[in-house]
Amino acid sequence: MQEVYGYLRDANMLILASPIYYHGISGQLKCTIDRFYSALYPAAPMSLAKTAMFLSSGDPEMYEGAKFSFEGDFLGYLGLENKGMYTCAGDVKESVLEEIRTMAAGL
């Protein structure tokens, strides 16, 4: 984790990605986010300004728990600019990839 903290200090955007497990993000990502809180307390580095989340699930109706965690816990605590939550249920659709390309081009 110490190596990750160094990258985090130099980053300007953080991308979180997870499959959906029981209506929420994976336990591994949740543990990582918990560690970010202590690394970024009392405030994120000035260079870290944006974040986005990529999620996948077999069911398009399974994202509410992850959305709640991302918007409430993560964005609310860190005060980062939300660059979007991108979801893909089942096969990757070209429309989702196009949304991600558009977001990335605007950075």
N, C-alpha and C. Protein backbone atom coordinates (compact mmCIF):
# COMPACT_ATOMS: atom_id res chain seq x y z
N MET A 1 0.83 -1.19 0.00
CA MET A 1 0.00 0.00 0.00
C MET A 1 0.87 1.25 0.00
N GLN A 2 2.05 1.16 0.58
CA GLN A 2 2.94 2.33 0.62
C GLN A 2 3.29 2.80 -0.80
N GLU A 3 3.51 1.86 -1.70
CA GLU A 3 3.80 2.21 -3.09
C GLU A 3 2.60 2.91 -3.73
N VAL A 4 1.40 2.44 -3.43
CA VAL A 4 0.19 3.05 -3.97
C VAL A 4 0.03 4.48 -3.47
N TYR A 5 0.36 4.72 -2.20
CA TYR A 5 0.25 6.07 -1.64
C TYR A 5 1.10 7.07 -2.44
N GLY A 6 2.29 6.66 -2.87
CA GLY A 6 3.14 7.53 -3.68
C GLY A 6 2.48 7.89 -5.00
N TYR A 7 1.89 6.90 -5.65
CA TYR A 7 1.18 7.16 -6.91
C TYR A 7 -0.03 8.06 -6.67
N LEU A 8 -0.69 7.86 -5.56
CA LEU A 8 -1.88 8.64 -5.23
C LEU A 8 -1.54 10.12 -5.05
N ARG A 9 -0.40 10.41 -4.46
CA ARG A 9 0.02 11.81 -4.27
C ARG A 9 0.29 12.50 -5.60
N ASP A 10 0.68 11.74 -6.62
CA ASP A 10 1.03 12.32 -7.92
C ASP A 10 -0.12 12.29 -8.93
N ALA A 11 -1.20 11.62 -8.61
CA ALA A 11 -2.30 11.43 -9.55
C ALA A 11 -3.18 12.67 -9.65
N ASN A 12 -3.77 12.88 -10.82
CA ASN A 12 -4.77 13.95 -10.95
C ASN A 12 -6.18 13.39 -11.09
N MET A 13 -6.28 12.07 -11.37
CA MET A 13 -7.59 11.42 -11.45
C MET A 13 -7.47 10.00 -10.95
N LEU A 14 -8.50 9.58 -10.26
CA LEU A 14 -8.55 8.23 -9.72
C LEU A 14 -9.71 7.48 -10.38
N ILE A 15 -9.42 6.33 -10.98
CA ILE A 15 -10.45 5.49 -11.58
C ILE A 15 -10.64 4.28 -10.67
N LEU A 16 -11.87 4.08 -10.23
CA LEU A 16 -12.22 2.91 -9.43
C LEU A 16 -12.98 1.95 -10.32
N ALA A 17 -12.71 0.66 -10.19
CA ALA A 17 -13.40 -0.33 -11.01
C ALA A 17 -13.71 -1.56 -10.18
N SER A 18 -14.89 -2.12 -10.41
CA SER A 18 -15.28 -3.29 -9.63
C SER A 18 -16.41 -4.03 -10.31
N PRO A 19 -16.42 -5.35 -10.16
CA PRO A 19 -17.65 -6.07 -10.48
C PRO A 19 -18.62 -5.84 -9.31
N ILE A 20 -19.88 -6.05 -9.55
CA ILE A 20 -20.88 -5.91 -8.49
C ILE A 20 -20.99 -7.23 -7.74
N TYR A 21 -20.90 -7.16 -6.41
CA TYR A 21 -21.11 -8.30 -5.52
C TYR A 21 -22.20 -7.93 -4.54
N TYR A 22 -23.31 -8.63 -4.58
CA TYR A 22 -24.41 -8.40 -3.64
C TYR A 22 -24.82 -6.93 -3.60
N HIS A 23 -25.04 -6.35 -4.76
CA HIS A 23 -25.55 -4.99 -4.95
C HIS A 23 -24.52 -3.90 -4.60
N GLY A 24 -23.29 -4.24 -4.38
CA GLY A 24 -22.28 -3.24 -4.03
C GLY A 24 -20.94 -3.55 -4.67
N ILE A 25 -19.96 -2.72 -4.35
CA ILE A 25 -18.61 -2.93 -4.87
C ILE A 25 -17.97 -4.13 -4.19
N SER A 26 -16.91 -4.64 -4.77
CA SER A 26 -16.23 -5.81 -4.21
C SER A 26 -15.59 -5.47 -2.86
N GLY A 27 -15.41 -6.47 -2.04
CA GLY A 27 -14.76 -6.29 -0.75
C GLY A 27 -13.35 -5.75 -0.89
N GLN A 28 -12.64 -6.19 -1.93
CA GLN A 28 -11.28 -5.72 -2.16
C GLN A 28 -11.25 -4.22 -2.42
N LEU A 29 -12.18 -3.73 -3.25
CA LEU A 29 -12.21 -2.30 -3.52
C LEU A 29 -12.64 -1.53 -2.28
N LYS A 30 -13.59 -2.06 -1.53
CA LYS A 30 -14.03 -1.40 -0.30
C LYS A 30 -12.86 -1.26 0.67
N CYS A 31 -12.05 -2.28 0.82
CA CYS A 31 -10.87 -2.21 1.70
C CYS A 31 -9.88 -1.16 1.19
N THR A 32 -9.68 -1.10 -0.12
CA THR A 32 -8.77 -0.12 -0.70
C THR A 32 -9.28 1.30 -0.45
N ILE A 33 -10.57 1.52 -0.65
CA ILE A 33 -11.16 2.84 -0.40
C ILE A 33 -10.98 3.23 1.07
N ASP A 34 -11.19 2.28 1.97
CA ASP A 34 -11.00 2.56 3.39
C ASP A 34 -9.57 3.00 3.67
N ARG A 35 -8.61 2.40 3.00
CA ARG A 35 -7.21 2.81 3.17
C ARG A 35 -6.95 4.19 2.58
N PHE A 36 -7.65 4.54 1.50
CA PHE A 36 -7.51 5.87 0.92
C PHE A 36 -7.92 6.95 1.90
N TYR A 37 -8.95 6.69 2.69
CA TYR A 37 -9.40 7.69 3.65
C TYR A 37 -8.27 8.12 4.57
N SER A 38 -7.54 7.16 5.10
CA SER A 38 -6.44 7.53 6.01
C SER A 38 -5.28 8.18 5.26
N ALA A 39 -5.04 7.73 4.03
CA ALA A 39 -3.94 8.30 3.25
C ALA A 39 -4.24 9.72 2.81
N LEU A 40 -5.49 10.05 2.63
CA LEU A 40 -5.86 11.36 2.10
C LEU A 40 -6.37 12.31 3.18
N TYR A 41 -6.38 11.88 4.43
CA TYR A 41 -6.86 12.73 5.52
C TYR A 41 -5.82 13.79 5.85
N PRO A 42 -6.15 15.02 6.10
CA PRO A 42 -7.49 15.59 6.17
C PRO A 42 -8.02 16.05 4.82
N ALA A 43 -7.19 16.01 3.77
CA ALA A 43 -7.65 16.42 2.44
C ALA A 43 -6.83 15.70 1.39
N ALA A 44 -7.44 15.52 0.21
CA ALA A 44 -6.72 14.93 -0.91
C ALA A 44 -5.63 15.88 -1.39
N PRO A 45 -4.55 15.35 -1.99
CA PRO A 45 -3.53 16.23 -2.55
C PRO A 45 -4.14 17.18 -3.58
N MET A 46 -3.58 18.35 -3.71
CA MET A 46 -4.12 19.35 -4.64
C MET A 46 -4.21 18.82 -6.07
N SER A 47 -3.27 17.94 -6.46
CA SER A 47 -3.28 17.42 -7.83
C SER A 47 -4.44 16.45 -8.08
N LEU A 48 -4.92 15.78 -7.04
CA LEU A 48 -6.00 14.80 -7.19
C LEU A 48 -7.33 15.54 -7.16
N ALA A 49 -7.95 15.66 -8.32
CA ALA A 49 -9.16 16.48 -8.42
C ALA A 49 -10.38 15.74 -8.96
N LYS A 50 -10.18 14.60 -9.64
CA LYS A 50 -11.28 13.95 -10.35
C LYS A 50 -11.31 12.45 -10.05
N THR A 51 -12.48 11.89 -10.21
CA THR A 51 -12.62 10.44 -10.07
C THR A 51 -13.76 9.94 -10.94
N ALA A 52 -13.68 8.68 -11.32
CA ALA A 52 -14.75 8.01 -12.06
C ALA A 52 -14.81 6.57 -11.57
N MET A 53 -15.96 5.93 -11.79
CA MET A 53 -16.11 4.54 -11.39
C MET A 53 -16.63 3.73 -12.56
N PHE A 54 -16.01 2.56 -12.78
CA PHE A 54 -16.44 1.61 -13.80
C PHE A 54 -16.96 0.37 -13.07
N LEU A 55 -18.16 -0.07 -13.42
CA LEU A 55 -18.78 -1.22 -12.76
C LEU A 55 -19.31 -2.20 -13.79
N SER A 56 -19.29 -3.48 -13.44
CA SER A 56 -19.88 -4.49 -14.31
C SER A 56 -20.76 -5.41 -13.48
N SER A 57 -21.81 -5.88 -14.12
CA SER A 57 -22.77 -6.76 -13.46
C SER A 57 -23.51 -7.56 -14.52
N GLY A 58 -24.05 -8.68 -14.12
CA GLY A 58 -24.88 -9.46 -15.03
C GLY A 58 -26.29 -8.92 -15.13
N ASP A 59 -26.65 -7.97 -14.26
CA ASP A 59 -28.02 -7.44 -14.20
C ASP A 59 -27.96 -5.92 -14.19
N PRO A 60 -28.65 -5.25 -15.12
CA PRO A 60 -28.59 -3.79 -15.20
C PRO A 60 -29.24 -3.07 -14.03
N GLU A 61 -29.93 -3.79 -13.15
CA GLU A 61 -30.60 -3.17 -12.00
C GLU A 61 -29.81 -3.32 -10.70
N MET A 62 -28.55 -3.67 -10.76
CA MET A 62 -27.78 -3.99 -9.56
C MET A 62 -26.78 -2.93 -9.13
N TYR A 63 -26.91 -1.69 -9.57
CA TYR A 63 -25.88 -0.70 -9.33
C TYR A 63 -26.18 0.29 -8.20
N GLU A 64 -27.37 0.26 -7.62
CA GLU A 64 -27.75 1.28 -6.64
C GLU A 64 -26.85 1.29 -5.40
N GLY A 65 -26.50 0.14 -4.87
CA GLY A 65 -25.63 0.08 -3.68
C GLY A 65 -24.26 0.67 -3.96
N ALA A 66 -23.70 0.33 -5.11
CA ALA A 66 -22.39 0.87 -5.49
C ALA A 66 -22.47 2.36 -5.74
N LYS A 67 -23.55 2.81 -6.35
CA LYS A 67 -23.73 4.24 -6.60
C LYS A 67 -23.81 5.00 -5.28
N PHE A 68 -24.52 4.45 -4.32
CA PHE A 68 -24.64 5.08 -3.01
C PHE A 68 -23.27 5.21 -2.35
N SER A 69 -22.47 4.14 -2.39
CA SER A 69 -21.13 4.17 -1.80
C SER A 69 -20.23 5.19 -2.49
N PHE A 70 -20.26 5.20 -3.83
CA PHE A 70 -19.41 6.09 -4.60
C PHE A 70 -19.77 7.55 -4.35
N GLU A 71 -21.05 7.88 -4.49
CA GLU A 71 -21.48 9.28 -4.36
C GLU A 71 -21.49 9.76 -2.91
N GLY A 72 -21.98 8.93 -2.01
CA GLY A 72 -22.11 9.35 -0.63
C GLY A 72 -20.81 9.26 0.15
N ASP A 73 -20.26 8.07 0.19
CA ASP A 73 -19.06 7.85 1.01
C ASP A 73 -17.80 8.42 0.37
N PHE A 74 -17.58 8.10 -0.88
CA PHE A 74 -16.31 8.44 -1.52
C PHE A 74 -16.25 9.89 -1.97
N LEU A 75 -17.17 10.30 -2.85
CA LEU A 75 -17.15 11.68 -3.35
C LEU A 75 -17.41 12.68 -2.23
N GLY A 76 -18.36 12.37 -1.37
CA GLY A 76 -18.68 13.29 -0.29
C GLY A 76 -17.51 13.51 0.66
N TYR A 77 -16.76 12.49 0.94
CA TYR A 77 -15.64 12.59 1.86
C TYR A 77 -14.45 13.31 1.23
N LEU A 78 -14.13 12.96 0.00
CA LEU A 78 -12.91 13.48 -0.62
C LEU A 78 -13.10 14.77 -1.39
N GLY A 79 -14.33 15.09 -1.74
CA GLY A 79 -14.59 16.33 -2.47
C GLY A 79 -14.01 16.34 -3.87
N LEU A 80 -13.95 15.19 -4.52
CA LEU A 80 -13.41 15.11 -5.88
C LEU A 80 -14.51 15.36 -6.90
N GLU A 81 -14.13 15.86 -8.07
CA GLU A 81 -15.08 16.07 -9.16
C GLU A 81 -15.49 14.72 -9.74
N ASN A 82 -16.78 14.50 -9.83
CA ASN A 82 -17.31 13.25 -10.35
C ASN A 82 -17.29 13.28 -11.87
N LYS A 83 -16.49 12.42 -12.48
CA LYS A 83 -16.43 12.33 -13.93
C LYS A 83 -17.33 11.22 -14.47
N GLY A 84 -18.11 10.61 -13.57
CA GLY A 84 -19.11 9.66 -14.02
C GLY A 84 -18.97 8.27 -13.45
N MET A 85 -20.09 7.58 -13.49
CA MET A 85 -20.13 6.17 -13.13
C MET A 85 -20.59 5.42 -14.37
N TYR A 86 -19.75 4.55 -14.87
CA TYR A 86 -20.00 3.85 -16.12
C TYR A 86 -20.29 2.39 -15.81
N THR A 87 -21.41 1.90 -16.30
CA THR A 87 -21.84 0.55 -15.98
C THR A 87 -22.00 -0.28 -17.24
N CYS A 88 -21.79 -1.55 -17.06
CA CYS A 88 -21.96 -2.48 -18.18
C CYS A 88 -22.53 -3.78 -17.64
N ALA A 89 -23.76 -4.06 -17.98
CA ALA A 89 -24.40 -5.30 -17.58
C ALA A 89 -24.30 -6.30 -18.72
N GLY A 90 -23.66 -7.42 -18.47
CA GLY A 90 -23.49 -8.42 -19.53
C GLY A 90 -22.34 -8.05 -20.45
N ASP A 91 -22.55 -8.18 -21.73
CA ASP A 91 -21.51 -7.88 -22.71
C ASP A 91 -21.23 -6.38 -22.76
N VAL A 92 -19.97 -6.02 -23.05
CA VAL A 92 -19.59 -4.62 -23.20
C VAL A 92 -20.26 -4.06 -24.45
N LYS A 93 -20.98 -3.01 -24.29
CA LYS A 93 -21.69 -2.37 -25.39
C LYS A 93 -20.85 -1.22 -25.94
N GLU A 94 -20.89 -1.03 -27.22
CA GLU A 94 -20.13 0.06 -27.85
C GLU A 94 -20.54 1.40 -27.27
N SER A 95 -21.82 1.56 -26.89
CA SER A 95 -22.28 2.83 -26.33
C SER A 95 -21.58 3.16 -25.02
N VAL A 96 -21.33 2.14 -24.20
CA VAL A 96 -20.60 2.36 -22.94
C VAL A 96 -19.17 2.77 -23.24
N LEU A 97 -18.55 2.09 -24.18
CA LEU A 97 -17.18 2.44 -24.56
C LEU A 97 -17.11 3.85 -25.11
N GLU A 98 -18.11 4.25 -25.87
CA GLU A 98 -18.14 5.61 -26.43
C GLU A 98 -18.28 6.65 -25.32
N GLU A 99 -19.10 6.37 -24.31
CA GLU A 99 -19.24 7.28 -23.16
C GLU A 99 -17.89 7.46 -22.46
N ILE A 100 -17.18 6.35 -22.27
CA ILE A 100 -15.87 6.41 -21.60
C ILE A 100 -14.87 7.18 -22.46
N ARG A 101 -14.87 6.96 -23.76
CA ARG A 101 -13.97 7.70 -24.66
C ARG A 101 -14.27 9.20 -24.59
N THR A 102 -15.53 9.57 -24.57
CA THR A 102 -15.92 10.97 -24.50
C THR A 102 -15.46 11.59 -23.19
N MET A 103 -15.65 10.88 -22.09
CA MET A 103 -15.18 11.36 -20.80
C MET A 103 -13.67 11.56 -20.82
N ALA A 104 -12.94 10.57 -21.31
CA ALA A 104 -11.48 10.64 -21.32
C ALA A 104 -10.98 11.76 -22.23
N ALA A 105 -11.64 12.00 -23.34
CA ALA A 105 -11.22 13.06 -24.26
C ALA A 105 -11.39 14.44 -23.64
N GLY A 106 -12.31 14.57 -22.70
CA GLY A 106 -12.55 15.85 -22.07
C GLY A 106 -11.65 16.14 -20.88
N LEU A 107 -10.70 15.27 -20.61
CA LEU A 107 -9.82 15.48 -19.45
C LEU A 107 -8.68 16.37 -19.75
